Structure formats: structure tokens, C-alpha cells
């Protein structure tokens, strides 16, 4: 069964609302500075020499050092290779029941359905990106990473929207990100927690809010009665969770379609 586009758009808008609410909550710690840097972030979004994302991250670390939450002496350089982890059958069952099964519906809706739809919207030529391809990709990643202590991984429509907005639109950008993350893991593993916890919350909130706008504006490319389905699905998804929003959106969409068919038959 193909998922109706208004329901997919509703999931995307629901995710955008959730990101926006989270971003706004983080921005409350420094409301005045947040608004200033939200404006600067948008102004510098397409700057060739200092793009908005680089500017915000750079300022975030400068701010952390200025306020004393990050000290250069806490950044340690050293080689740290991943260790092999073995686990029991009980660990597998526990992880499947309490993490895998609970995450399954969110993964199918956000990481697969919403992400594929967003890829095709932003990159119409990428017809090679399919739900099956993303599922296989995530499956292979999650079969390999537990043996080196990795956490579950998935694609996300919000992450894709953020990358697109901040200019990471080619394969080269993904390679650069991967190399940076490998370098952090190999050479700065003792300092990663200090670096990330010191980063100011309000800058994270600004970036989340910017990403939510990019994701949300895609959702309104519908017309007529379908707009109601989009808004209903989005509000339920944001208020409760995506699983409930997806289910209720499907029920409303097919209920409306059936009503329209019945009205057509009567006339």
C-alpha cells in the first residue's frame, strides 16, 4: 500500500513542529541572543566564505570558552581505537524488545517514508533512493555497529532538511562529515563529551528552529481538502507521537476519500 502524500506531508510537518518546539525551548535560556543569532544565521546562510552553519558552530565554541564552560585544557589529543564487544542472547532479546521494537514504527515513518519523500522533493533526479534501499542501508549499519560499541543508527527527515538548508547537498559534504566524525572518535574520544556538553543550548536551539522551517515548508505543497489531512496528522504527531499521528492521518484520509466517493455516487 502506498502511503497517501497528505499523510506523509503531515508526518513531515509534525516533525517540523516538534523540532521547532524543542528549538524554542532551548532558546529560552538566552532569548535575546537567540533572536540575534537566528537572524544572523539566515543572513549568512548562503555566504560563500562563512556559511551560517559554520558561523553558528564557531560562535558556539567561542561563547563556551568565553563563559568558561569549555576550557582548552580539557581537550586532550590521543589515539583511541574501537574495541570489539560481544553480547549474549539475552542482550539481543532485551535490546529488541525495549529498543528495537519500540523504535520500529518511528523508523518506518520518519526514517523511511518521510525521508524518501523529502529526498524526492529536494532532489527530483534521485529516483534511486527508495524505501527498500534505506531499510537495507540502516539494517547493515545496525548489524555492524553493535560490535564496536555503536548506538542504533537511522536516517531522519529532520537531519536531511538541516543538511540541505545549511548547504550540505553533495556527496562531498557527507564524506567531509564522515571524516570529521571518524577523526573525533579516533583522536578526541576523551574530550568529545566535554566538547558537546559545553556547546551552548541556545545555539543548538537556533539551528533546530532553522531546520524545522526547511522541513515544514515542504509539507504545505498540497491543495484543497488534503490540507486538512496534513494539519490534522501534524498536530496529532506533535501532540502525541508519530505512530498515533500516522494512524489517525490514514484513518482521516481514507474516511474523507470514502465520503467523497459516496457523495459522487449519490449525485
C-alpha atoms as a PDB file:
ATOM      1  CA  UNK A   1       0.000   0.000   0.000  1.00  0.00           C
ATOM      2  CA  UNK A   2       1.331   3.424  -0.920  1.00  0.00           C
ATOM      3  CA  UNK A   3       1.124   5.944   1.891  1.00  0.00           C
ATOM      4  CA  UNK A   4      -1.006   8.928   0.761  1.00  0.00           C
ATOM      5  CA  UNK A   5       1.039  12.067   0.191  1.00  0.00           C
ATOM      6  CA  UNK A   6      -1.063  14.237   2.571  1.00  0.00           C
ATOM      7  CA  UNK A   7      -0.266  11.803   5.410  1.00  0.00           C
ATOM      8  CA  UNK A   8       3.442  11.867   4.524  1.00  0.00           C
ATOM      9  CA  UNK A   9       3.359  15.661   4.444  1.00  0.00           C
ATOM     10  CA  UNK A  10       1.580  15.607   7.805  1.00  0.00           C
ATOM     11  CA  UNK A  11       4.352  13.483   9.306  1.00  0.00           C
ATOM     12  CA  UNK A  12       6.948  15.901   7.944  1.00  0.00           C
ATOM     13  CA  UNK A  13       5.072  18.899   9.343  1.00  0.00           C
ATOM     14  CA  UNK A  14       4.652  17.113  12.678  1.00  0.00           C
ATOM     15  CA  UNK A  15       8.394  16.528  12.816  1.00  0.00           C
ATOM     16  CA  UNK A  16       8.974  20.179  11.934  1.00  0.00           C
ATOM     17  CA  UNK A  17       6.675  21.284  14.765  1.00  0.00           C
ATOM     18  CA  UNK A  18       8.486  19.003  17.212  1.00  0.00           C
ATOM     19  CA  UNK A  19      11.862  20.370  16.122  1.00  0.00           C
ATOM     20  CA  UNK A  20      10.591  23.943  16.390  1.00  0.00           C
ATOM     21  CA  UNK A  21       9.204  23.390  19.882  1.00  0.00           C
ATOM     22  CA  UNK A  22      12.448  21.775  21.034  1.00  0.00           C
ATOM     23  CA  UNK A  23      14.467  24.583  19.480  1.00  0.00           C
ATOM     24  CA  UNK A  24      12.290  27.249  21.107  1.00  0.00           C
ATOM     25  CA  UNK A  25      12.665  25.549  24.483  1.00  0.00           C
ATOM     26  CA  UNK A  26      16.456  25.568  24.174  1.00  0.00           C
ATOM     27  CA  UNK A  27      16.445  29.196  23.035  1.00  0.00           C
ATOM     28  CA  UNK A  28      14.632  30.261  26.206  1.00  0.00           C
ATOM     29  CA  UNK A  29      17.948  30.161  28.097  1.00  0.00           C
ATOM     30  CA  UNK A  30      19.180  33.190  26.097  1.00  0.00           C
ATOM     31  CA  UNK A  31      16.152  34.671  24.271  1.00  0.00           C
ATOM     32  CA  UNK A  32      17.764  37.949  23.149  1.00  0.00           C
ATOM     33  CA  UNK A  33      20.978  36.335  21.884  1.00  0.00           C
ATOM     34  CA  UNK A  34      18.943  33.569  20.267  1.00  0.00           C
ATOM     35  CA  UNK A  35      16.927  36.012  18.173  1.00  0.00           C
ATOM     36  CA  UNK A  36      20.071  37.890  17.154  1.00  0.00           C
ATOM     37  CA  UNK A  37      21.828  34.736  16.003  1.00  0.00           C
ATOM     38  CA  UNK A  38      18.702  33.364  14.376  1.00  0.00           C
ATOM     39  CA  UNK A  39      18.697  36.457  12.175  1.00  0.00           C
ATOM     40  CA  UNK A  40      22.446  36.233  11.555  1.00  0.00           C
ATOM     41  CA  UNK A  41      22.124  32.545  10.728  1.00  0.00           C
ATOM     42  CA  UNK A  42      19.584  33.263   7.997  1.00  0.00           C
ATOM     43  CA  UNK A  43      21.551  36.245   6.677  1.00  0.00           C
ATOM     44  CA  UNK A  44      24.730  34.177   6.369  1.00  0.00           C
ATOM     45  CA  UNK A  45      23.022  31.049   5.094  1.00  0.00           C
ATOM     46  CA  UNK A  46      24.393  31.376   1.552  1.00  0.00           C
ATOM     47  CA  UNK A  47      27.623  33.168   2.431  1.00  0.00           C
ATOM     48  CA  UNK A  48      30.435  31.592   0.380  1.00  0.00           C
ATOM     49  CA  UNK A  49      33.187  32.374   2.883  1.00  0.00           C
ATOM     50  CA  UNK A  50      31.458  31.745   6.215  1.00  0.00           C
ATOM     51  CA  UNK A  51      28.160  29.849   5.816  1.00  0.00           C
ATOM     52  CA  UNK A  52      25.537  30.167   8.515  1.00  0.00           C
ATOM     53  CA  UNK A  53      26.122  26.712   9.988  1.00  0.00           C
ATOM     54  CA  UNK A  54      29.905  27.183  10.292  1.00  0.00           C
ATOM     55  CA  UNK A  55      29.375  30.639  11.777  1.00  0.00           C
ATOM     56  CA  UNK A  56      26.934  29.349  14.409  1.00  0.00           C
ATOM     57  CA  UNK A  57      29.125  26.411  15.409  1.00  0.00           C
ATOM     58  CA  UNK A  58      32.241  28.592  15.525  1.00  0.00           C
ATOM     59  CA  UNK A  59      30.475  31.210  17.653  1.00  0.00           C
ATOM     60  CA  UNK A  60      29.069  28.474  19.898  1.00  0.00           C
ATOM     61  CA  UNK A  61      32.534  27.240  20.856  1.00  0.00           C
ATOM     62  CA  UNK A  62      33.862  30.810  21.255  1.00  0.00           C
ATOM     63  CA  UNK A  63      30.925  31.531  23.567  1.00  0.00           C
ATOM     64  CA  UNK A  64      31.632  28.332  25.531  1.00  0.00           C
ATOM     65  CA  UNK A  65      35.242  29.355  26.088  1.00  0.00           C
ATOM     66  CA  UNK A  66      34.234  32.936  26.968  1.00  0.00           C
ATOM     67  CA  UNK A  67      31.740  31.758  29.617  1.00  0.00           C
ATOM     68  CA  UNK A  68      34.183  29.177  30.984  1.00  0.00           C
ATOM     69  CA  UNK A  69      32.035  26.128  30.250  1.00  0.00           C
ATOM     70  CA  UNK A  70      34.777  24.886  27.921  1.00  0.00           C
ATOM     71  CA  UNK A  71      38.448  25.059  28.788  1.00  0.00           C
ATOM     72  CA  UNK A  72      41.149  24.359  26.228  1.00  0.00           C
ATOM     73  CA  UNK A  73      42.993  22.285  28.837  1.00  0.00           C
ATOM     74  CA  UNK A  74      40.077  19.820  28.847  1.00  0.00           C
ATOM     75  CA  UNK A  75      40.642  18.997  25.157  1.00  0.00           C
ATOM     76  CA  UNK A  76      43.019  16.048  25.010  1.00  0.00           C
ATOM     77  CA  UNK A  77      44.549  14.540  21.890  1.00  0.00           C
ATOM     78  CA  UNK A  78      45.252  10.819  21.703  1.00  0.00           C
ATOM     79  CA  UNK A  79      44.598   7.721  19.639  1.00  0.00           C
ATOM     80  CA  UNK A  80      41.657   5.597  20.758  1.00  0.00           C
ATOM     81  CA  UNK A  81      40.781   2.545  18.665  1.00  0.00           C
ATOM     82  CA  UNK A  82      37.338   0.919  18.918  1.00  0.00           C
ATOM     83  CA  UNK A  83      37.119  -2.256  20.974  1.00  0.00           C
ATOM     84  CA  UNK A  84      35.208  -5.370  19.976  1.00  0.00           C
ATOM     85  CA  UNK A  85      32.102  -6.008  22.087  1.00  0.00           C
ATOM     86  CA  UNK A  86      30.423  -9.391  22.367  1.00  0.00           C
ATOM     87  CA  UNK A  87      26.955  -9.826  23.799  1.00  0.00           C
ATOM     88  CA  UNK A  88      24.672 -12.623  24.921  1.00  0.00           C
ATOM     89  CA  UNK A  89      21.364 -13.807  23.519  1.00  0.00           C
ATOM     90  CA  UNK A  90      19.656 -12.140  26.498  1.00  0.00           C
ATOM     91  CA  UNK A  91      21.185  -8.820  25.447  1.00  0.00           C
ATOM     92  CA  UNK A  92      19.822  -9.272  21.931  1.00  0.00           C
ATOM     93  CA  UNK A  93      16.305 -10.099  23.170  1.00  0.00           C
ATOM     94  CA  UNK A  94      16.331  -7.230  25.677  1.00  0.00           C
ATOM     95  CA  UNK A  95      17.555  -4.760  23.049  1.00  0.00           C
ATOM     96  CA  UNK A  96      14.973  -5.911  20.523  1.00  0.00           C
ATOM     97  CA  UNK A  97      12.040  -5.649  22.953  1.00  0.00           C
ATOM     98  CA  UNK A  98      12.959  -2.429  24.748  1.00  0.00           C
ATOM     99  CA  UNK A  99      14.674  -0.507  21.948  1.00  0.00           C
ATOM    100  CA  UNK A 100      14.233  -2.106  18.523  1.00  0.00           C
ATOM    101  CA  UNK A 101      10.517  -2.893  18.671  1.00  0.00           C
ATOM    102  CA  UNK A 102       9.668   0.412  20.376  1.00  0.00           C
ATOM    103  CA  UNK A 103      11.581   2.341  17.710  1.00  0.00           C
ATOM    104  CA  UNK A 104      10.282   0.361  14.735  1.00  0.00           C
ATOM    105  CA  UNK A 105       7.245   2.483  13.899  1.00  0.00           C
ATOM    106  CA  UNK A 106       9.135   5.765  14.240  1.00  0.00           C
ATOM    107  CA  UNK A 107      11.881   4.387  11.997  1.00  0.00           C
ATOM    108  CA  UNK A 108       9.434   3.322   9.287  1.00  0.00           C
ATOM    109  CA  UNK A 109       7.585   6.653   9.292  1.00  0.00           C
ATOM    110  CA  UNK A 110      10.343   9.210   9.904  1.00  0.00           C
ATOM    111  CA  UNK A 111      13.493   7.445   8.711  1.00  0.00           C
ATOM    112  CA  UNK A 112      11.929   5.774   5.678  1.00  0.00           C
ATOM    113  CA  UNK A 113       8.602   7.205   4.455  1.00  0.00           C
ATOM    114  CA  UNK A 114       9.203  10.877   5.331  1.00  0.00           C
ATOM    115  CA  UNK A 115      12.876  10.763   4.345  1.00  0.00           C
ATOM    116  CA  UNK A 116      12.298   9.188   0.919  1.00  0.00           C
ATOM    117  CA  UNK A 117       9.535  11.696   0.207  1.00  0.00           C
ATOM    118  CA  UNK A 118      11.794  14.579   1.215  1.00  0.00           C
ATOM    119  CA  UNK A 119      14.678  13.278  -0.925  1.00  0.00           C
ATOM    120  CA  UNK A 120      12.415  13.132  -3.979  1.00  0.00           C
ATOM    121  CA  UNK A 121      11.142  16.640  -3.220  1.00  0.00           C
ATOM    122  CA  UNK A 122      14.579  18.203  -2.776  1.00  0.00           C
ATOM    123  CA  UNK A 123      16.389  16.058  -5.364  1.00  0.00           C
ATOM    124  CA  UNK A 124      13.849  15.002  -8.031  1.00  0.00           C
ATOM    125  CA  UNK A 125      16.583  13.278 -10.046  1.00  0.00           C
ATOM    126  CA  UNK A 126      17.411  10.868  -7.201  1.00  0.00           C
ATOM    127  CA  UNK A 127      14.891   8.202  -8.155  1.00  0.00           C
ATOM    128  CA  UNK A 128      17.393   5.592  -6.969  1.00  0.00           C
ATOM    129  CA  UNK A 129      16.592   6.438  -3.326  1.00  0.00           C
ATOM    130  CA  UNK A 130      13.835   4.009  -2.341  1.00  0.00           C
ATOM    131  CA  UNK A 131      12.296   2.754   0.919  1.00  0.00           C
ATOM    132  CA  UNK A 132      13.879  -0.662   0.340  1.00  0.00           C
ATOM    133  CA  UNK A 133      17.292   0.932  -0.154  1.00  0.00           C
ATOM    134  CA  UNK A 134      17.084   2.963   3.071  1.00  0.00           C
ATOM    135  CA  UNK A 135      15.850  -0.037   5.057  1.00  0.00           C
ATOM    136  CA  UNK A 136      18.703  -2.209   3.769  1.00  0.00           C
ATOM    137  CA  UNK A 137      21.196   0.576   4.459  1.00  0.00           C
ATOM    138  CA  UNK A 138      20.029   1.020   8.058  1.00  0.00           C
ATOM    139  CA  UNK A 139      19.883  -2.733   8.586  1.00  0.00           C
ATOM    140  CA  UNK A 140      23.508  -3.217   7.527  1.00  0.00           C
ATOM    141  CA  UNK A 141      24.652  -0.310   9.707  1.00  0.00           C
ATOM    142  CA  UNK A 142      22.862  -1.621  12.768  1.00  0.00           C
ATOM    143  CA  UNK A 143      24.131  -5.154  12.285  1.00  0.00           C
ATOM    144  CA  UNK A 144      27.732  -3.922  12.244  1.00  0.00           C
ATOM    145  CA  UNK A 145      27.942  -1.097  14.789  1.00  0.00           C
ATOM    146  CA  UNK A 146      26.998  -3.025  17.984  1.00  0.00           C
ATOM    147  CA  UNK A 147      30.263  -4.982  17.753  1.00  0.00           C
ATOM    148  CA  UNK A 148      32.271  -1.752  18.203  1.00  0.00           C
ATOM    149  CA  UNK A 149      30.003  -0.222  20.846  1.00  0.00           C
ATOM    150  CA  UNK A 150      27.870   1.797  18.433  1.00  0.00           C
ATOM    151  CA  UNK A 151      24.359   3.081  19.114  1.00  0.00           C
ATOM    152  CA  UNK A 152      21.380   2.364  16.813  1.00  0.00           C
ATOM    153  CA  UNK A 153      21.523   4.461  13.633  1.00  0.00           C
ATOM    154  CA  UNK A 154      18.815   5.631  11.249  1.00  0.00           C
ATOM    155  CA  UNK A 155      18.123   8.262   8.618  1.00  0.00           C
ATOM    156  CA  UNK A 156      15.925  11.208   9.560  1.00  0.00           C
ATOM    157  CA  UNK A 157      13.916  13.699   7.570  1.00  0.00           C
ATOM    158  CA  UNK A 158      14.881  16.422  10.049  1.00  0.00           C
ATOM    159  CA  UNK A 159      18.585  15.751   9.583  1.00  0.00           C
ATOM    160  CA  UNK A 160      18.240  15.786   5.808  1.00  0.00           C
ATOM    161  CA  UNK A 161      16.336  19.083   5.936  1.00  0.00           C
ATOM    162  CA  UNK A 162      19.037  20.595   8.149  1.00  0.00           C
ATOM    163  CA  UNK A 163      21.843  19.465   5.845  1.00  0.00           C
ATOM    164  CA  UNK A 164      20.010  20.799   2.805  1.00  0.00           C
ATOM    165  CA  UNK A 165      19.301  24.159   4.433  1.00  0.00           C
ATOM    166  CA  UNK A 166      22.878  24.645   5.625  1.00  0.00           C
ATOM    167  CA  UNK A 167      24.353  23.774   2.231  1.00  0.00           C
ATOM    168  CA  UNK A 168      25.474  20.142   2.584  1.00  0.00           C
ATOM    169  CA  UNK A 169      23.915  18.996  -0.695  1.00  0.00           C
ATOM    170  CA  UNK A 170      26.549  16.802  -2.354  1.00  0.00           C
ATOM    171  CA  UNK A 171      28.324  13.542  -1.697  1.00  0.00           C
ATOM    172  CA  UNK A 172      31.455  15.518  -0.854  1.00  0.00           C
ATOM    173  CA  UNK A 173      29.704  17.099   2.139  1.00  0.00           C
ATOM    174  CA  UNK A 174      28.810  13.667   3.508  1.00  0.00           C
ATOM    175  CA  UNK A 175      32.400  12.467   3.065  1.00  0.00           C
ATOM    176  CA  UNK A 176      33.677  15.542   4.916  1.00  0.00           C
ATOM    177  CA  UNK A 177      31.233  14.912   7.758  1.00  0.00           C
ATOM    178  CA  UNK A 178      32.234  11.254   7.949  1.00  0.00           C
ATOM    179  CA  UNK A 179      35.953  12.055   8.039  1.00  0.00           C
ATOM    180  CA  UNK A 180      35.386  14.640  10.761  1.00  0.00           C
ATOM    181  CA  UNK A 181      33.407  12.186  12.904  1.00  0.00           C
ATOM    182  CA  UNK A 182      35.996   9.428  12.440  1.00  0.00           C
ATOM    183  CA  UNK A 183      38.753  11.887  13.409  1.00  0.00           C
ATOM    184  CA  UNK A 184      36.847  12.939  16.541  1.00  0.00           C
ATOM    185  CA  UNK A 185      36.352   9.318  17.529  1.00  0.00           C
ATOM    186  CA  UNK A 186      39.946   8.282  16.886  1.00  0.00           C
ATOM    187  CA  UNK A 187      41.817  11.289  18.263  1.00  0.00           C
ATOM    188  CA  UNK A 188      39.490  13.182  20.616  1.00  0.00           C
ATOM    189  CA  UNK A 189      37.398  10.437  22.227  1.00  0.00           C
ATOM    190  CA  UNK A 190      38.460  11.539  25.724  1.00  0.00           C
ATOM    191  CA  UNK A 191      37.186  15.065  25.043  1.00  0.00           C
ATOM    192  CA  UNK A 192      34.018  14.530  22.995  1.00  0.00           C
ATOM    193  CA  UNK A 193      31.692  14.640  25.982  1.00  0.00           C
ATOM    194  CA  UNK A 194      33.275  17.859  27.263  1.00  0.00           C
ATOM    195  CA  UNK A 195      33.063  19.459  23.807  1.00  0.00           C
ATOM    196  CA  UNK A 196      29.423  18.584  23.211  1.00  0.00           C
ATOM    197  CA  UNK A 197      28.111  19.326  26.713  1.00  0.00           C
ATOM    198  CA  UNK A 198      29.862  22.723  26.704  1.00  0.00           C
ATOM    199  CA  UNK A 199      28.227  23.795  23.444  1.00  0.00           C
ATOM    200  CA  UNK A 200      25.556  26.422  24.276  1.00  0.00           C
ATOM    201  CA  UNK A 201      21.999  25.142  24.199  1.00  0.00           C
ATOM    202  CA  UNK A 202      20.572  28.295  22.654  1.00  0.00           C
ATOM    203  CA  UNK A 203      22.769  27.925  19.543  1.00  0.00           C
ATOM    204  CA  UNK A 204      21.557  24.333  19.187  1.00  0.00           C
ATOM    205  CA  UNK A 205      18.019  25.683  19.509  1.00  0.00           C
ATOM    206  CA  UNK A 206      18.619  28.256  16.772  1.00  0.00           C
ATOM    207  CA  UNK A 207      19.865  25.565  14.390  1.00  0.00           C
ATOM    208  CA  UNK A 208      16.934  23.277  15.223  1.00  0.00           C
ATOM    209  CA  UNK A 209      14.453  26.071  14.551  1.00  0.00           C
ATOM    210  CA  UNK A 210      16.103  26.854  11.211  1.00  0.00           C
ATOM    211  CA  UNK A 211      15.974  23.179  10.211  1.00  0.00           C
ATOM    212  CA  UNK A 212      12.303  22.952  11.218  1.00  0.00           C
ATOM    213  CA  UNK A 213      11.430  25.798   8.836  1.00  0.00           C
ATOM    214  CA  UNK A 214      13.099  23.995   5.914  1.00  0.00           C
ATOM    215  CA  UNK A 215      11.270  20.754   6.727  1.00  0.00           C
ATOM    216  CA  UNK A 216       7.944  22.439   7.428  1.00  0.00           C
ATOM    217  CA  UNK A 217       7.691  24.482   4.239  1.00  0.00           C
ATOM    218  CA  UNK A 218       7.806  21.297   2.129  1.00  0.00           C
ATOM    219  CA  UNK A 219       4.714  19.989   3.894  1.00  0.00           C
ATOM    220  CA  UNK A 220       2.410  22.698   2.547  1.00  0.00           C
ATOM    221  CA  UNK A 221       2.745  21.667  -1.092  1.00  0.00           C
ATOM    222  CA  UNK A 222      -0.773  20.237  -1.084  1.00  0.00           C
ATOM    223  CA  UNK A 223      -4.117  21.643  -2.092  1.00  0.00           C
ATOM    224  CA  UNK A 224      -7.803  21.502  -1.231  1.00  0.00           C
ATOM    225  CA  UNK A 225      -9.160  19.151   1.404  1.00  0.00           C
ATOM    226  CA  UNK A 226      -5.779  17.446   1.673  1.00  0.00           C
ATOM    227  CA  UNK A 227      -4.526  20.473   3.632  1.00  0.00           C
ATOM    228  CA  UNK A 228      -6.827  19.478   6.469  1.00  0.00           C
ATOM    229  CA  UNK A 229      -5.367  15.960   6.492  1.00  0.00           C
ATOM    230  CA  UNK A 230      -1.843  17.395   6.608  1.00  0.00           C
ATOM    231  CA  UNK A 231      -2.636  19.708   9.535  1.00  0.00           C
ATOM    232  CA  UNK A 232      -4.553  17.030  11.443  1.00  0.00           C
ATOM    233  CA  UNK A 233      -1.744  14.463  11.028  1.00  0.00           C
ATOM    234  CA  UNK A 234       0.878  17.047  12.001  1.00  0.00           C
ATOM    235  CA  UNK A 235      -0.924  18.202  15.144  1.00  0.00           C
ATOM    236  CA  UNK A 236      -1.576  14.659  16.381  1.00  0.00           C
ATOM    237  CA  UNK A 237       2.050  13.690  15.624  1.00  0.00           C
ATOM    238  CA  UNK A 238       3.420  16.697  17.528  1.00  0.00           C
ATOM    239  CA  UNK A 239       0.988  16.396  20.443  1.00  0.00           C
ATOM    240  CA  UNK A 240       1.329  12.640  20.968  1.00  0.00           C
ATOM    241  CA  UNK A 241       3.763  10.772  18.710  1.00  0.00           C
ATOM    242  CA  UNK A 242       4.308   9.963  15.054  1.00  0.00           C
ATOM    243  CA  UNK A 243       2.815   6.478  15.329  1.00  0.00           C
ATOM    244  CA  UNK A 244      -0.525   7.861  16.521  1.00  0.00           C
ATOM    245  CA  UNK A 245      -0.383  10.739  14.050  1.00  0.00           C
ATOM    246  CA  UNK A 246       0.328   8.382  11.161  1.00  0.00           C
ATOM    247  CA  UNK A 247      -2.524   6.029  12.101  1.00  0.00           C
ATOM    248  CA  UNK A 248      -5.044   8.806  12.681  1.00  0.00           C
ATOM    249  CA  UNK A 249      -3.970  10.556   9.484  1.00  0.00           C
ATOM    250  CA  UNK A 250      -4.559   7.396   7.458  1.00  0.00           C
ATOM    251  CA  UNK A 251      -7.993   6.939   9.015  1.00  0.00           C
ATOM    252  CA  UNK A 252      -8.965  10.540   8.253  1.00  0.00           C
ATOM    253  CA  UNK A 253      -7.623  10.406   4.686  1.00  0.00           C
ATOM    254  CA  UNK A 254      -9.447   7.204   3.738  1.00  0.00           C
ATOM    255  CA  UNK A 255     -12.539   8.352   5.629  1.00  0.00           C
ATOM    256  CA  UNK A 256     -12.616  11.579   3.606  1.00  0.00           C
ATOM    257  CA  UNK A 257     -11.963   9.685   0.364  1.00  0.00           C
ATOM    258  CA  UNK A 258     -14.803   7.264   1.077  1.00  0.00           C
ATOM    259  CA  UNK A 259     -17.154  10.133   1.901  1.00  0.00           C
ATOM    260  CA  UNK A 260     -16.287  11.878  -1.367  1.00  0.00           C
ATOM    261  CA  UNK A 261     -16.859   8.664  -3.339  1.00  0.00           C
ATOM    262  CA  UNK A 262     -20.261   8.176  -1.689  1.00  0.00           C
ATOM    263  CA  UNK A 263     -21.235  11.779  -2.434  1.00  0.00           C
ATOM    264  CA  UNK A 264     -20.175  11.283  -6.059  1.00  0.00           C
ATOM    265  CA  UNK A 265     -22.309   8.178  -6.366  1.00  0.00           C
ATOM    266  CA  UNK A 266     -25.341   9.971  -4.894  1.00  0.00           C
ATOM    267  CA  UNK A 267     -25.074  12.828  -7.349  1.00  0.00           C
END
